[in-house]
Amino acid sequence: MAEHLKDREKLKLLQRVRRLRGQMEAVERLVNDGSDCGGQLMLLAAVRGAINALMGEILETHIRFHATDGITDKIAPELAEDLIDLVRAYLK
């Protein structure tokens, strides 16, 4: 998939991954330090949201490339948009 990502889109995804890495390192520190469960759970909820957002971005790119731009038998753009909306709703 990476070969058809524009440089800007790729950078945006990599920035999300780096933020996730930082959040997971923070989770590790909290667990290691024996911090309160409330803080750990709040951070894990943020991580889950960030992962879902990243998954949504990658799925959207995949749908747009493979269902509308990258093949000869394209589906209608509005069907691709409906599919993207459905996936995003599912990931929330």
C-alpha atoms as a PDB file:
ATOM      1  CA  MET A   1       0.000   0.000   0.000  1.00  0.00           C
ATOM      2  CA  ALA A   2       2.823   2.424   0.790  1.00  0.00           C
ATOM      3  CA  GLU A   3       3.851   2.728  -2.853  1.00  0.00           C
ATOM      4  CA  HIS A   4       0.634   4.526  -3.774  1.00  0.00           C
ATOM      5  CA  LEU A   5       0.584   6.881  -0.804  1.00  0.00           C
ATOM      6  CA  LYS A   6       1.528  10.445  -1.477  1.00  0.00           C
ATOM      7  CA  ASP A   7       4.482  11.654   0.552  1.00  0.00           C
ATOM      8  CA  ARG A   8       2.299  13.964   2.628  1.00  0.00           C
ATOM      9  CA  GLU A   9      -0.193  11.184   3.434  1.00  0.00           C
ATOM     10  CA  LYS A  10       2.616   8.828   4.301  1.00  0.00           C
ATOM     11  CA  LEU A  11       4.191  11.399   6.631  1.00  0.00           C
ATOM     12  CA  LYS A  12       0.827  11.959   8.320  1.00  0.00           C
ATOM     13  CA  LEU A  13       0.429   8.215   8.961  1.00  0.00           C
ATOM     14  CA  LEU A  14       3.979   7.904  10.261  1.00  0.00           C
ATOM     15  CA  GLN A  15       3.374  10.799  12.657  1.00  0.00           C
ATOM     16  CA  ARG A  16       0.321   8.980  14.009  1.00  0.00           C
ATOM     17  CA  VAL A  17       2.369   5.814  14.490  1.00  0.00           C
ATOM     18  CA  ARG A  18       5.067   7.753  16.342  1.00  0.00           C
ATOM     19  CA  ARG A  19       2.459   9.342  18.629  1.00  0.00           C
ATOM     20  CA  LEU A  20       1.052   5.888  19.331  1.00  0.00           C
ATOM     21  CA  ARG A  21       4.521   4.606  20.161  1.00  0.00           C
ATOM     22  CA  GLY A  22       4.964   7.466  22.619  1.00  0.00           C
ATOM     23  CA  GLN A  23       1.591   6.762  24.197  1.00  0.00           C
ATOM     24  CA  MET A  24       2.424   3.065  24.586  1.00  0.00           C
ATOM     25  CA  GLU A  25       5.751   3.953  26.175  1.00  0.00           C
ATOM     26  CA  ALA A  26       3.822   6.144  28.614  1.00  0.00           C
ATOM     27  CA  VAL A  27       1.516   3.201  29.396  1.00  0.00           C
ATOM     28  CA  GLU A  28       4.565   1.045  30.047  1.00  0.00           C
ATOM     29  CA  ARG A  29       5.976   3.658  32.431  1.00  0.00           C
ATOM     30  CA  LEU A  30       2.680   3.937  34.305  1.00  0.00           C
ATOM     31  CA  VAL A  31       2.409   0.170  34.702  1.00  0.00           C
ATOM     32  CA  ASN A  32       6.050  -0.138  35.695  1.00  0.00           C
ATOM     33  CA  ASP A  33       5.757   2.675  38.253  1.00  0.00           C
ATOM     34  CA  GLY A  34       2.606   1.210  39.752  1.00  0.00           C
ATOM     35  CA  SER A  35       0.591   4.336  38.985  1.00  0.00           C
ATOM     36  CA  ASP A  36      -3.108   4.424  39.690  1.00  0.00           C
ATOM     37  CA  CYS A  37      -5.388   2.380  37.466  1.00  0.00           C
ATOM     38  CA  GLY A  38      -7.476   5.418  36.513  1.00  0.00           C
ATOM     39  CA  GLY A  39      -4.561   7.080  34.737  1.00  0.00           C
ATOM     40  CA  GLN A  40      -3.615   3.851  33.017  1.00  0.00           C
ATOM     41  CA  LEU A  41      -7.175   3.319  31.793  1.00  0.00           C
ATOM     42  CA  MET A  42      -7.479   6.887  30.528  1.00  0.00           C
ATOM     43  CA  LEU A  43      -4.262   6.575  28.562  1.00  0.00           C
ATOM     44  CA  LEU A  44      -5.272   3.161  27.185  1.00  0.00           C
ATOM     45  CA  ALA A  45      -8.590   4.636  26.027  1.00  0.00           C
ATOM     46  CA  ALA A  46      -6.649   7.359  24.203  1.00  0.00           C
ATOM     47  CA  VAL A  47      -4.402   4.717  22.619  1.00  0.00           C
ATOM     48  CA  ARG A  48      -7.434   2.717  21.494  1.00  0.00           C
ATOM     49  CA  GLY A  49      -8.945   5.836  19.905  1.00  0.00           C
ATOM     50  CA  ALA A  50      -5.675   6.649  18.169  1.00  0.00           C
ATOM     51  CA  ILE A  51      -5.351   3.106  16.814  1.00  0.00           C
ATOM     52  CA  ASN A  52      -8.911   3.206  15.512  1.00  0.00           C
ATOM     53  CA  ALA A  53      -8.223   6.549  13.822  1.00  0.00           C
ATOM     54  CA  LEU A  54      -5.054   5.166  12.224  1.00  0.00           C
ATOM     55  CA  MET A  55      -6.912   2.061  11.068  1.00  0.00           C
ATOM     56  CA  GLY A  56      -9.630   4.283   9.586  1.00  0.00           C
ATOM     57  CA  GLU A  57      -7.084   6.327   7.645  1.00  0.00           C
ATOM     58  CA  ILE A  58      -5.374   3.236   6.251  1.00  0.00           C
ATOM     59  CA  LEU A  59      -8.699   1.590   5.360  1.00  0.00           C
ATOM     60  CA  GLU A  60      -9.871   4.755   3.641  1.00  0.00           C
ATOM     61  CA  THR A  61      -6.700   4.865   1.556  1.00  0.00           C
ATOM     62  CA  HIS A  62      -7.084   1.184   0.734  1.00  0.00           C
ATOM     63  CA  ILE A  63     -10.710   1.603  -0.328  1.00  0.00           C
ATOM     64  CA  ARG A  64      -9.982   4.678  -2.417  1.00  0.00           C
ATOM     65  CA  PHE A  65      -7.025   3.065  -4.177  1.00  0.00           C
ATOM     66  CA  HIS A  66      -8.373  -0.438  -4.713  1.00  0.00           C
ATOM     67  CA  ALA A  67     -12.028   0.377  -5.246  1.00  0.00           C
ATOM     68  CA  THR A  68     -11.913   3.613  -7.222  1.00  0.00           C
ATOM     69  CA  ASP A  69      -8.458   4.603  -8.465  1.00  0.00           C
ATOM     70  CA  GLY A  70      -6.324   1.515  -8.838  1.00  0.00           C
ATOM     71  CA  ILE A  71      -8.480  -0.860 -10.866  1.00  0.00           C
ATOM     72  CA  THR A  72     -10.160  -0.906 -14.246  1.00  0.00           C
ATOM     73  CA  ASP A  73     -13.617  -2.008 -12.977  1.00  0.00           C
ATOM     74  CA  LYS A  74     -14.239   0.870 -10.600  1.00  0.00           C
ATOM     75  CA  ILE A  75     -17.120   1.193  -8.214  1.00  0.00           C
ATOM     76  CA  ALA A  76     -19.038   4.431  -8.055  1.00  0.00           C
ATOM     77  CA  PRO A  77     -17.270   7.045  -5.891  1.00  0.00           C
ATOM     78  CA  GLU A  78     -20.416   7.488  -3.804  1.00  0.00           C
ATOM     79  CA  LEU A  79     -20.404   3.761  -2.966  1.00  0.00           C
ATOM     80  CA  ALA A  80     -16.782   4.075  -1.861  1.00  0.00           C
ATOM     81  CA  GLU A  81     -17.772   7.043   0.342  1.00  0.00           C
ATOM     82  CA  ASP A  82     -20.617   4.993   1.859  1.00  0.00           C
ATOM     83  CA  LEU A  83     -18.199   2.162   2.589  1.00  0.00           C
ATOM     84  CA  ILE A  84     -15.702   4.552   4.169  1.00  0.00           C
ATOM     85  CA  ASP A  85     -18.451   6.071   6.351  1.00  0.00           C
ATOM     86  CA  LEU A  86     -19.560   2.599   7.419  1.00  0.00           C
ATOM     87  CA  VAL A  87     -16.026   1.572   8.359  1.00  0.00           C
ATOM     88  CA  ARG A  88     -15.454   4.796  10.297  1.00  0.00           C
ATOM     89  CA  ALA A  89     -18.726   4.325  12.194  1.00  0.00           C
ATOM     90  CA  TYR A  90     -17.734   0.768  13.050  1.00  0.00           C
ATOM     91  CA  LEU A  91     -14.327   1.845  14.375  1.00  0.00           C
ATOM     92  CA  LYS A  92     -15.761   4.424  16.800  1.00  0.00           C
END
